[in-house]
Amino acid sequence: MERGPTGEELTKDSALNKVAVEKLFELLDEFLQRRAEHGDVAKIFDEYWRWRREQPWS
């Protein structure tokens, strides 16, 4: 997963803020669509835990 801009960067740059908000709602829409499908909440959590275990800081 790619690191996004920091809160300080967003505060200084309204264009970055707009991009961040658009991405937030894009990801929220994706989550809500997948959650509505039968059994997908468990898949979402499974994907997250798999991703987290692969991170060097975990």
PDB file of N, CA and C in Angstrom:
ATOM      1  N   MET A   1       0.841  -1.170   0.000  1.00  0.00           N
ATOM      2  CA  MET A   1       0.000   0.000   0.000  1.00  0.00           C
ATOM      3  C   MET A   1       0.890   1.238   0.000  1.00  0.00           C
ATOM      4  N   GLU A   2       0.522   2.174  -0.783  1.00  0.00           N
ATOM      5  CA  GLU A   2       1.297   3.385  -0.971  1.00  0.00           C
ATOM      6  C   GLU A   2       1.008   4.407   0.131  1.00  0.00           C
ATOM      7  N   ARG A   3       2.078   5.081   0.635  1.00  0.00           N
ATOM      8  CA  ARG A   3       1.893   6.108   1.657  1.00  0.00           C
ATOM      9  C   ARG A   3       1.332   7.363   1.008  1.00  0.00           C
ATOM     10  N   GLY A   4       0.304   7.904   1.609  1.00  0.00           N
ATOM     11  CA  GLY A   4      -0.300   9.127   1.117  1.00  0.00           C
ATOM     12  C   GLY A   4       0.335  10.341   1.766  1.00  0.00           C
ATOM     13  N   PRO A   5      -0.175  11.516   1.449  1.00  0.00           N
ATOM     14  CA  PRO A   5       0.362  12.745   2.037  1.00  0.00           C
ATOM     15  C   PRO A   5       0.073  12.823   3.531  1.00  0.00           C
ATOM     16  N   THR A   6       0.910  13.534   4.245  1.00  0.00           N
ATOM     17  CA  THR A   6       0.715  13.724   5.683  1.00  0.00           C
ATOM     18  C   THR A   6      -0.369  14.767   5.924  1.00  0.00           C
ATOM     19  N   GLY A   7      -0.859  14.827   7.155  1.00  0.00           N
ATOM     20  CA  GLY A   7      -1.845  15.836   7.518  1.00  0.00           C
ATOM     21  C   GLY A   7      -1.327  17.238   7.286  1.00  0.00           C
ATOM     22  N   GLU A   8      -0.053  17.453   7.573  1.00  0.00           N
ATOM     23  CA  GLU A   8       0.551  18.781   7.374  1.00  0.00           C
ATOM     24  C   GLU A   8       0.568  19.154   5.892  1.00  0.00           C
ATOM     25  N   GLU A   9       0.913  18.173   5.040  1.00  0.00           N
ATOM     26  CA  GLU A   9       0.920  18.432   3.594  1.00  0.00           C
ATOM     27  C   GLU A   9      -0.484  18.760   3.097  1.00  0.00           C
ATOM     28  N   LEU A  10      -1.485  18.051   3.629  1.00  0.00           N
ATOM     29  CA  LEU A  10      -2.864  18.315   3.212  1.00  0.00           C
ATOM     30  C   LEU A  10      -3.322  19.692   3.644  1.00  0.00           C
ATOM     31  N   THR A  11      -2.917  20.118   4.830  1.00  0.00           N
ATOM     32  CA  THR A  11      -3.305  21.425   5.340  1.00  0.00           C
ATOM     33  C   THR A  11      -2.735  22.534   4.466  1.00  0.00           C
ATOM     34  N   LYS A  12      -1.518  22.343   3.978  1.00  0.00           N
ATOM     35  CA  LYS A  12      -0.851  23.364   3.176  1.00  0.00           C
ATOM     36  C   LYS A  12      -1.321  23.381   1.725  1.00  0.00           C
ATOM     37  N   ASP A  13      -1.845  22.287   1.235  1.00  0.00           N
ATOM     38  CA  ASP A  13      -2.169  22.180  -0.187  1.00  0.00           C
ATOM     39  C   ASP A  13      -3.605  21.690  -0.373  1.00  0.00           C
ATOM     40  N   SER A  14      -4.485  22.603  -0.749  1.00  0.00           N
ATOM     41  CA  SER A  14      -5.897  22.233  -0.892  1.00  0.00           C
ATOM     42  C   SER A  14      -6.127  21.243  -2.029  1.00  0.00           C
ATOM     43  N   ALA A  15      -5.264  21.259  -3.058  1.00  0.00           N
ATOM     44  CA  ALA A  15      -5.413  20.290  -4.157  1.00  0.00           C
ATOM     45  C   ALA A  15      -5.144  18.874  -3.641  1.00  0.00           C
ATOM     46  N   LEU A  16      -4.110  18.723  -2.793  1.00  0.00           N
ATOM     47  CA  LEU A  16      -3.845  17.411  -2.194  1.00  0.00           C
ATOM     48  C   LEU A  16      -5.000  16.987  -1.310  1.00  0.00           C
ATOM     49  N   ASN A  17      -5.559  17.918  -0.581  1.00  0.00           N
ATOM     50  CA  ASN A  17      -6.694  17.629   0.294  1.00  0.00           C
ATOM     51  C   ASN A  17      -7.862  17.096  -0.524  1.00  0.00           C
ATOM     52  N   LYS A  18      -8.137  17.735  -1.650  1.00  0.00           N
ATOM     53  CA  LYS A  18      -9.232  17.290  -2.515  1.00  0.00           C
ATOM     54  C   LYS A  18      -8.990  15.867  -3.012  1.00  0.00           C
ATOM     55  N   VAL A  19      -7.760  15.577  -3.428  1.00  0.00           N
ATOM     56  CA  VAL A  19      -7.414  14.234  -3.911  1.00  0.00           C
ATOM     57  C   VAL A  19      -7.597  13.212  -2.789  1.00  0.00           C
ATOM     58  N   ALA A  20      -7.163  13.570  -1.584  1.00  0.00           N
ATOM     59  CA  ALA A  20      -7.285  12.653  -0.445  1.00  0.00           C
ATOM     60  C   ALA A  20      -8.741  12.356  -0.128  1.00  0.00           C
ATOM     61  N   VAL A  21      -9.583  13.367  -0.151  1.00  0.00           N
ATOM     62  CA  VAL A  21     -11.003  13.170   0.140  1.00  0.00           C
ATOM     63  C   VAL A  21     -11.652  12.311  -0.940  1.00  0.00           C
ATOM     64  N   GLU A  22     -11.310  12.562  -2.200  1.00  0.00           N
ATOM     65  CA  GLU A  22     -11.852  11.748  -3.296  1.00  0.00           C
ATOM     66  C   GLU A  22     -11.440  10.287  -3.138  1.00  0.00           C
ATOM     67  N   LYS A  23     -10.177  10.042  -2.772  1.00  0.00           N
ATOM     68  CA  LYS A  23      -9.693   8.668  -2.589  1.00  0.00           C
ATOM     69  C   LYS A  23     -10.397   8.005  -1.402  1.00  0.00           C
ATOM     70  N   LEU A  24     -10.594   8.768  -0.336  1.00  0.00           N
ATOM     71  CA  LEU A  24     -11.298   8.241   0.833  1.00  0.00           C
ATOM     72  C   LEU A  24     -12.681   7.735   0.442  1.00  0.00           C
ATOM     73  N   PHE A  25     -13.431   8.540  -0.307  1.00  0.00           N
ATOM     74  CA  PHE A  25     -14.778   8.124  -0.689  1.00  0.00           C
ATOM     75  C   PHE A  25     -14.761   7.000  -1.716  1.00  0.00           C
ATOM     76  N   GLU A  26     -13.746   6.963  -2.566  1.00  0.00           N
ATOM     77  CA  GLU A  26     -13.610   5.849  -3.507  1.00  0.00           C
ATOM     78  C   GLU A  26     -13.417   4.534  -2.740  1.00  0.00           C
ATOM     79  N   LEU A  27     -12.523   4.562  -1.750  1.00  0.00           N
ATOM     80  CA  LEU A  27     -12.278   3.356  -0.957  1.00  0.00           C
ATOM     81  C   LEU A  27     -13.481   2.991  -0.093  1.00  0.00           C
ATOM     82  N   LEU A  28     -14.177   3.992   0.438  1.00  0.00           N
ATOM     83  CA  LEU A  28     -15.381   3.723   1.224  1.00  0.00           C
ATOM     84  C   LEU A  28     -16.455   3.078   0.358  1.00  0.00           C
ATOM     85  N   ASP A  29     -16.650   3.592  -0.858  1.00  0.00           N
ATOM     86  CA  ASP A  29     -17.616   2.981  -1.779  1.00  0.00           C
ATOM     87  C   ASP A  29     -17.254   1.531  -2.082  1.00  0.00           C
ATOM     88  N   GLU A  30     -15.968   1.276  -2.315  1.00  0.00           N
ATOM     89  CA  GLU A  30     -15.525  -0.095  -2.589  1.00  0.00           C
ATOM     90  C   GLU A  30     -15.820  -1.002  -1.398  1.00  0.00           C
ATOM     91  N   PHE A  31     -15.521  -0.518  -0.193  1.00  0.00           N
ATOM     92  CA  PHE A  31     -15.786  -1.302   1.010  1.00  0.00           C
ATOM     93  C   PHE A  31     -17.272  -1.601   1.154  1.00  0.00           C
ATOM     94  N   LEU A  32     -18.111  -0.588   0.984  1.00  0.00           N
ATOM     95  CA  LEU A  32     -19.553  -0.783   1.154  1.00  0.00           C
ATOM     96  C   LEU A  32     -20.122  -1.733   0.116  1.00  0.00           C
ATOM     97  N   GLN A  33     -19.613  -1.677  -1.115  1.00  0.00           N
ATOM     98  CA  GLN A  33     -20.071  -2.604  -2.154  1.00  0.00           C
ATOM     99  C   GLN A  33     -19.680  -4.032  -1.808  1.00  0.00           C
ATOM    100  N   ARG A  34     -18.444  -4.226  -1.393  1.00  0.00           N
ATOM    101  CA  ARG A  34     -17.981  -5.572  -1.056  1.00  0.00           C
ATOM    102  C   ARG A  34     -18.660  -6.101   0.191  1.00  0.00           C
ATOM    103  N   ARG A  35     -18.914  -5.207   1.147  1.00  0.00           N
ATOM    104  CA  ARG A  35     -19.560  -5.626   2.396  1.00  0.00           C
ATOM    105  C   ARG A  35     -20.972  -6.138   2.124  1.00  0.00           C
ATOM    106  N   ALA A  36     -21.630  -5.576   1.127  1.00  0.00           N
ATOM    107  CA  ALA A  36     -23.006  -5.954   0.806  1.00  0.00           C
ATOM    108  C   ALA A  36     -23.098  -7.364   0.218  1.00  0.00           C
ATOM    109  N   GLU A  37     -22.008  -7.836  -0.359  1.00  0.00           N
ATOM    110  CA  GLU A  37     -22.002  -9.171  -0.946  1.00  0.00           C
ATOM    111  C   GLU A  37     -21.882 -10.217   0.165  1.00  0.00           C
ATOM    112  N   HIS A  38     -22.523 -11.338  -0.013  1.00  0.00           N
ATOM    113  CA  HIS A  38     -22.552 -12.396   0.995  1.00  0.00           C
ATOM    114  C   HIS A  38     -21.142 -12.872   1.355  1.00  0.00           C
ATOM    115  N   GLY A  39     -20.815 -12.786   2.626  1.00  0.00           N
ATOM    116  CA  GLY A  39     -19.556 -13.309   3.122  1.00  0.00           C
ATOM    117  C   GLY A  39     -18.334 -12.454   2.881  1.00  0.00           C
ATOM    118  N   ASP A  40     -18.501 -11.294   2.269  1.00  0.00           N
ATOM    119  CA  ASP A  40     -17.320 -10.521   1.910  1.00  0.00           C
ATOM    120  C   ASP A  40     -16.685  -9.766   3.068  1.00  0.00           C
ATOM    121  N   VAL A  41     -17.382  -9.527   4.164  1.00  0.00           N
ATOM    122  CA  VAL A  41     -16.755  -8.854   5.301  1.00  0.00           C
ATOM    123  C   VAL A  41     -15.601  -9.712   5.812  1.00  0.00           C
ATOM    124  N   ALA A  42     -15.812 -10.995   5.902  1.00  0.00           N
ATOM    125  CA  ALA A  42     -14.748 -11.895   6.342  1.00  0.00           C
ATOM    126  C   ALA A  42     -13.574 -11.863   5.366  1.00  0.00           C
ATOM    127  N   LYS A  43     -13.844 -11.789   4.069  1.00  0.00           N
ATOM    128  CA  LYS A  43     -12.781 -11.719   3.068  1.00  0.00           C
ATOM    129  C   LYS A  43     -11.983 -10.428   3.211  1.00  0.00           C
ATOM    130  N   ILE A  44     -12.679  -9.324   3.484  1.00  0.00           N
ATOM    131  CA  ILE A  44     -12.001  -8.037   3.661  1.00  0.00           C
ATOM    132  C   ILE A  44     -11.036  -8.114   4.834  1.00  0.00           C
ATOM    133  N   PHE A  45     -11.495  -8.651   5.953  1.00  0.00           N
ATOM    134  CA  PHE A  45     -10.619  -8.772   7.122  1.00  0.00           C
ATOM    135  C   PHE A  45      -9.466  -9.723   6.845  1.00  0.00           C
ATOM    136  N   ASP A  46      -9.715 -10.804   6.132  1.00  0.00           N
ATOM    137  CA  ASP A  46      -8.660 -11.753   5.796  1.00  0.00           C
ATOM    138  C   ASP A  46      -7.594 -11.092   4.924  1.00  0.00           C
ATOM    139  N   GLU A  47      -8.004 -10.328   3.921  1.00  0.00           N
ATOM    140  CA  GLU A  47      -7.055  -9.617   3.067  1.00  0.00           C
ATOM    141  C   GLU A  47      -6.235  -8.620   3.881  1.00  0.00           C
ATOM    142  N   TYR A  48      -6.896  -7.924   4.792  1.00  0.00           N
ATOM    143  CA  TYR A  48      -6.193  -6.962   5.628  1.00  0.00           C
ATOM    144  C   TYR A  48      -5.140  -7.657   6.476  1.00  0.00           C
ATOM    145  N   TRP A  49      -5.484  -8.753   7.152  1.00  0.00           N
ATOM    146  CA  TRP A  49      -4.525  -9.440   8.018  1.00  0.00           C
ATOM    147  C   TRP A  49      -3.372 -10.026   7.219  1.00  0.00           C
ATOM    148  N   ARG A  50      -3.665 -10.515   6.004  1.00  0.00           N
ATOM    149  CA  ARG A  50      -2.590 -11.013   5.145  1.00  0.00           C
ATOM    150  C   ARG A  50      -1.633  -9.879   4.775  1.00  0.00           C
ATOM    151  N   TRP A  51      -2.205  -8.722   4.400  1.00  0.00           N
ATOM    152  CA  TRP A  51      -1.385  -7.564   4.060  1.00  0.00           C
ATOM    153  C   TRP A  51      -0.558  -7.117   5.264  1.00  0.00           C
ATOM    154  N   ARG A  52      -1.198  -7.077   6.429  1.00  0.00           N
ATOM    155  CA  ARG A  52      -0.515  -6.588   7.636  1.00  0.00           C
ATOM    156  C   ARG A  52       0.664  -7.490   8.023  1.00  0.00           C
ATOM    157  N   ARG A  53       0.480  -8.798   7.906  1.00  0.00           N
ATOM    158  CA  ARG A  53       1.566  -9.719   8.248  1.00  0.00           C
ATOM    159  C   ARG A  53       2.778  -9.532   7.344  1.00  0.00           C
ATOM    160  N   GLU A  54       2.548  -9.056   6.122  1.00  0.00           N
ATOM    161  CA  GLU A  54       3.645  -8.857   5.168  1.00  0.00           C
ATOM    162  C   GLU A  54       4.411  -7.564   5.418  1.00  0.00           C
ATOM    163  N   GLN A  55       3.908  -6.685   6.260  1.00  0.00           N
ATOM    164  CA  GLN A  55       4.554  -5.403   6.489  1.00  0.00           C
ATOM    165  C   GLN A  55       5.771  -5.574   7.388  1.00  0.00           C
ATOM    166  N   PRO A  56       6.843  -4.838   7.075  1.00  0.00           N
ATOM    167  CA  PRO A  56       8.072  -4.980   7.870  1.00  0.00           C
ATOM    168  C   PRO A  56       7.923  -4.526   9.318  1.00  0.00           C
ATOM    169  N   TRP A  57       6.967  -3.677   9.606  1.00  0.00           N
ATOM    170  CA  TRP A  57       6.779  -3.156  10.956  1.00  0.00           C
ATOM    171  C   TRP A  57       5.860  -4.010  11.809  1.00  0.00           C
ATOM    172  N   SER A  58       5.268  -5.043  11.233  1.00  0.00           N
ATOM    173  CA  SER A  58       4.329  -5.856  12.031  1.00  0.00           C
ATOM    174  C   SER A  58       5.008  -7.007  12.719  1.00  0.00           C
TER     175      SER A  58
END
